[in-house]
Amino acid sequence: MKGRNVAGASPADGMKGGRLRGRLVAGLLALMLACTGLAAWTAQPAQSEPGAMRVTSYIVRPGDTLWLYASRITPAGQDVSQTVDRLMALNGLESSSLRAGQRIVVPAE
């Protein structure tokens, strides 16, 4: 029984547990560093127009459509569909459907 502790394990058994714990900690650190590197590698800068955009709001009236409103505010010679896309993005809309009484954010003129 020489060299054994009360529980019956040898001092070498404690060293094995310490090595395993060290390997586990090292593995977790390596995994965290890999995830951080992957996140930094896949990150993309935000895409936005330069400068702040002045906005106002518009309350949708019965019979209004996003296309109709966009055609009213689109400068002559420009594409109304681009204005529709811009309004949808500005308001976080997934479709061009509007309902009477809805408040939308629009570029200030």
C-alpha atoms as a PDB file:
ATOM      1  CA  MET A   1       0.000   0.000   0.000  1.00  0.00           C
ATOM      2  CA  LYS A   2       3.017   2.188  -0.077  1.00  0.00           C
ATOM      3  CA  GLY A   3       2.576   5.265  -2.351  1.00  0.00           C
ATOM      4  CA  ARG A   4      -1.223   5.120  -2.319  1.00  0.00           C
ATOM      5  CA  ASN A   5      -3.538   7.707  -0.812  1.00  0.00           C
ATOM      6  CA  VAL A   6      -6.675   7.014   1.162  1.00  0.00           C
ATOM      7  CA  ALA A   7      -8.914   6.646  -1.905  1.00  0.00           C
ATOM      8  CA  GLY A   8      -6.596   4.064  -3.423  1.00  0.00           C
ATOM      9  CA  ALA A   9      -5.284   6.208  -6.283  1.00  0.00           C
ATOM     10  CA  SER A  10      -1.586   6.689  -6.875  1.00  0.00           C
ATOM     11  CA  PRO A  11      -0.030  10.182  -7.124  1.00  0.00           C
ATOM     12  CA  ALA A  12       0.534   9.510 -10.850  1.00  0.00           C
ATOM     13  CA  ASP A  13      -3.262   9.287 -11.339  1.00  0.00           C
ATOM     14  CA  GLY A  14      -3.575  12.920 -10.201  1.00  0.00           C
ATOM     15  CA  MET A  15      -1.004  13.963 -12.815  1.00  0.00           C
ATOM     16  CA  LYS A  16      -2.995  12.246 -15.580  1.00  0.00           C
ATOM     17  CA  GLY A  17      -6.096  14.228 -14.580  1.00  0.00           C
ATOM     18  CA  GLY A  18      -4.073  17.457 -14.623  1.00  0.00           C
ATOM     19  CA  ARG A  19      -2.739  16.709 -18.102  1.00  0.00           C
ATOM     20  CA  LEU A  20      -6.217  15.902 -19.372  1.00  0.00           C
ATOM     21  CA  ARG A  21      -7.580  19.129 -17.919  1.00  0.00           C
ATOM     22  CA  GLY A  22      -4.697  21.076 -19.502  1.00  0.00           C
ATOM     23  CA  ARG A  23      -5.366  19.507 -22.889  1.00  0.00           C
ATOM     24  CA  LEU A  24      -9.069  20.272 -22.563  1.00  0.00           C
ATOM     25  CA  VAL A  25      -8.399  23.921 -21.694  1.00  0.00           C
ATOM     26  CA  ALA A  26      -5.893  24.223 -24.556  1.00  0.00           C
ATOM     27  CA  GLY A  27      -8.396  22.674 -26.971  1.00  0.00           C
ATOM     28  CA  LEU A  28     -11.164  25.051 -25.880  1.00  0.00           C
ATOM     29  CA  LEU A  29      -8.847  28.043 -26.264  1.00  0.00           C
ATOM     30  CA  ALA A  30      -7.851  26.887 -29.746  1.00  0.00           C
ATOM     31  CA  LEU A  31     -11.526  26.494 -30.682  1.00  0.00           C
ATOM     32  CA  MET A  32     -12.355  29.999 -29.405  1.00  0.00           C
ATOM     33  CA  LEU A  33      -9.453  31.500 -31.352  1.00  0.00           C
ATOM     34  CA  ALA A  34     -10.539  29.667 -34.509  1.00  0.00           C
ATOM     35  CA  CYS A  35     -14.115  30.956 -34.141  1.00  0.00           C
ATOM     36  CA  THR A  36     -12.874  34.500 -33.560  1.00  0.00           C
ATOM     37  CA  GLY A  37     -10.654  34.293 -36.637  1.00  0.00           C
ATOM     38  CA  LEU A  38     -13.516  32.936 -38.726  1.00  0.00           C
ATOM     39  CA  ALA A  39     -15.826  35.726 -37.580  1.00  0.00           C
ATOM     40  CA  ALA A  40     -13.220  38.361 -38.417  1.00  0.00           C
ATOM     41  CA  TRP A  41     -12.544  36.771 -41.820  1.00  0.00           C
ATOM     42  CA  THR A  42     -16.226  36.647 -42.814  1.00  0.00           C
ATOM     43  CA  ALA A  43     -17.150  40.106 -41.473  1.00  0.00           C
ATOM     44  CA  GLN A  44     -18.155  42.643 -44.095  1.00  0.00           C
ATOM     45  CA  PRO A  45     -18.334  46.394 -43.712  1.00  0.00           C
ATOM     46  CA  ALA A  46     -21.777  47.956 -43.579  1.00  0.00           C
ATOM     47  CA  GLN A  47     -23.048  49.234 -46.892  1.00  0.00           C
ATOM     48  CA  SER A  48     -24.669  52.636 -46.687  1.00  0.00           C
ATOM     49  CA  GLU A  49     -24.909  55.811 -48.650  1.00  0.00           C
ATOM     50  CA  PRO A  50     -22.447  58.519 -47.671  1.00  0.00           C
ATOM     51  CA  GLY A  51     -23.827  61.215 -45.398  1.00  0.00           C
ATOM     52  CA  ALA A  52     -26.968  61.271 -43.349  1.00  0.00           C
ATOM     53  CA  MET A  53     -30.306  61.066 -45.112  1.00  0.00           C
ATOM     54  CA  ARG A  54     -32.989  63.483 -44.024  1.00  0.00           C
ATOM     55  CA  VAL A  55     -36.306  61.696 -43.625  1.00  0.00           C
ATOM     56  CA  THR A  56     -39.892  62.464 -42.784  1.00  0.00           C
ATOM     57  CA  SER A  57     -42.940  60.259 -42.402  1.00  0.00           C
ATOM     58  CA  TYR A  58     -46.011  59.712 -44.538  1.00  0.00           C
ATOM     59  CA  ILE A  59     -49.359  58.265 -43.437  1.00  0.00           C
ATOM     60  CA  VAL A  60     -50.708  55.882 -46.063  1.00  0.00           C
ATOM     61  CA  ARG A  61     -54.143  56.842 -47.370  1.00  0.00           C
ATOM     62  CA  PRO A  62     -56.819  54.456 -48.632  1.00  0.00           C
ATOM     63  CA  GLY A  63     -55.967  53.396 -52.180  1.00  0.00           C
ATOM     64  CA  ASP A  64     -52.252  54.263 -51.854  1.00  0.00           C
ATOM     65  CA  THR A  65     -49.720  51.763 -53.122  1.00  0.00           C
ATOM     66  CA  LEU A  66     -45.989  51.900 -52.655  1.00  0.00           C
ATOM     67  CA  TRP A  67     -45.581  52.203 -56.425  1.00  0.00           C
ATOM     68  CA  LEU A  68     -48.033  55.119 -56.588  1.00  0.00           C
ATOM     69  CA  TYR A  69     -46.305  56.969 -53.758  1.00  0.00           C
ATOM     70  CA  ALA A  70     -42.850  56.227 -55.218  1.00  0.00           C
ATOM     71  CA  SER A  71     -43.934  57.535 -58.622  1.00  0.00           C
ATOM     72  CA  ARG A  72     -44.964  60.810 -56.957  1.00  0.00           C
ATOM     73  CA  ILE A  73     -41.575  61.364 -55.318  1.00  0.00           C
ATOM     74  CA  THR A  74     -39.270  59.967 -58.019  1.00  0.00           C
ATOM     75  CA  PRO A  75     -37.575  62.777 -59.970  1.00  0.00           C
ATOM     76  CA  ALA A  76     -38.439  62.908 -63.685  1.00  0.00           C
ATOM     77  CA  GLY A  77     -36.284  60.584 -65.756  1.00  0.00           C
ATOM     78  CA  GLN A  78     -35.373  58.297 -62.856  1.00  0.00           C
ATOM     79  CA  ASP A  79     -36.489  54.701 -62.307  1.00  0.00           C
ATOM     80  CA  VAL A  80     -39.543  54.375 -60.026  1.00  0.00           C
ATOM     81  CA  SER A  81     -38.619  50.766 -59.186  1.00  0.00           C
ATOM     82  CA  GLN A  82     -35.390  51.984 -57.564  1.00  0.00           C
ATOM     83  CA  THR A  83     -37.428  54.357 -55.390  1.00  0.00           C
ATOM     84  CA  VAL A  84     -39.736  51.466 -54.427  1.00  0.00           C
ATOM     85  CA  ASP A  85     -36.705  49.343 -53.484  1.00  0.00           C
ATOM     86  CA  ARG A  86     -35.250  52.225 -51.468  1.00  0.00           C
ATOM     87  CA  LEU A  87     -38.544  52.788 -49.595  1.00  0.00           C
ATOM     88  CA  MET A  88     -38.840  49.074 -48.845  1.00  0.00           C
ATOM     89  CA  ALA A  89     -35.283  49.000 -47.459  1.00  0.00           C
ATOM     90  CA  LEU A  90     -35.772  52.202 -45.480  1.00  0.00           C
ATOM     91  CA  ASN A  91     -38.901  50.803 -43.817  1.00  0.00           C
ATOM     92  CA  GLY A  92     -37.784  47.177 -43.474  1.00  0.00           C
ATOM     93  CA  LEU A  93     -40.658  46.000 -45.696  1.00  0.00           C
ATOM     94  CA  GLU A  94     -40.613  42.482 -47.089  1.00  0.00           C
ATOM     95  CA  SER A  95     -43.274  43.307 -49.680  1.00  0.00           C
ATOM     96  CA  SER A  96     -44.586  46.447 -51.326  1.00  0.00           C
ATOM     97  CA  SER A  97     -48.011  46.034 -49.713  1.00  0.00           C
ATOM     98  CA  LEU A  98     -49.252  48.986 -47.651  1.00  0.00           C
ATOM     99  CA  ARG A  99     -52.368  49.477 -45.534  1.00  0.00           C
ATOM    100  CA  ALA A 100     -54.314  52.659 -44.881  1.00  0.00           C
ATOM    101  CA  GLY A 101     -53.103  54.399 -41.726  1.00  0.00           C
ATOM    102  CA  GLN A 102     -49.642  52.859 -41.896  1.00  0.00           C
ATOM    103  CA  ARG A 103     -46.791  55.306 -41.240  1.00  0.00           C
ATOM    104  CA  ILE A 104     -43.781  54.940 -43.515  1.00  0.00           C
ATOM    105  CA  VAL A 105     -40.462  56.745 -43.425  1.00  0.00           C
ATOM    106  CA  VAL A 106     -39.660  58.588 -46.648  1.00  0.00           C
ATOM    107  CA  PRO A 107     -36.745  60.744 -47.787  1.00  0.00           C
ATOM    108  CA  ALA A 108     -37.330  64.437 -47.041  1.00  0.00           C
ATOM    109  CA  GLU A 109     -37.519  66.567 -50.168  1.00  0.00           C
END
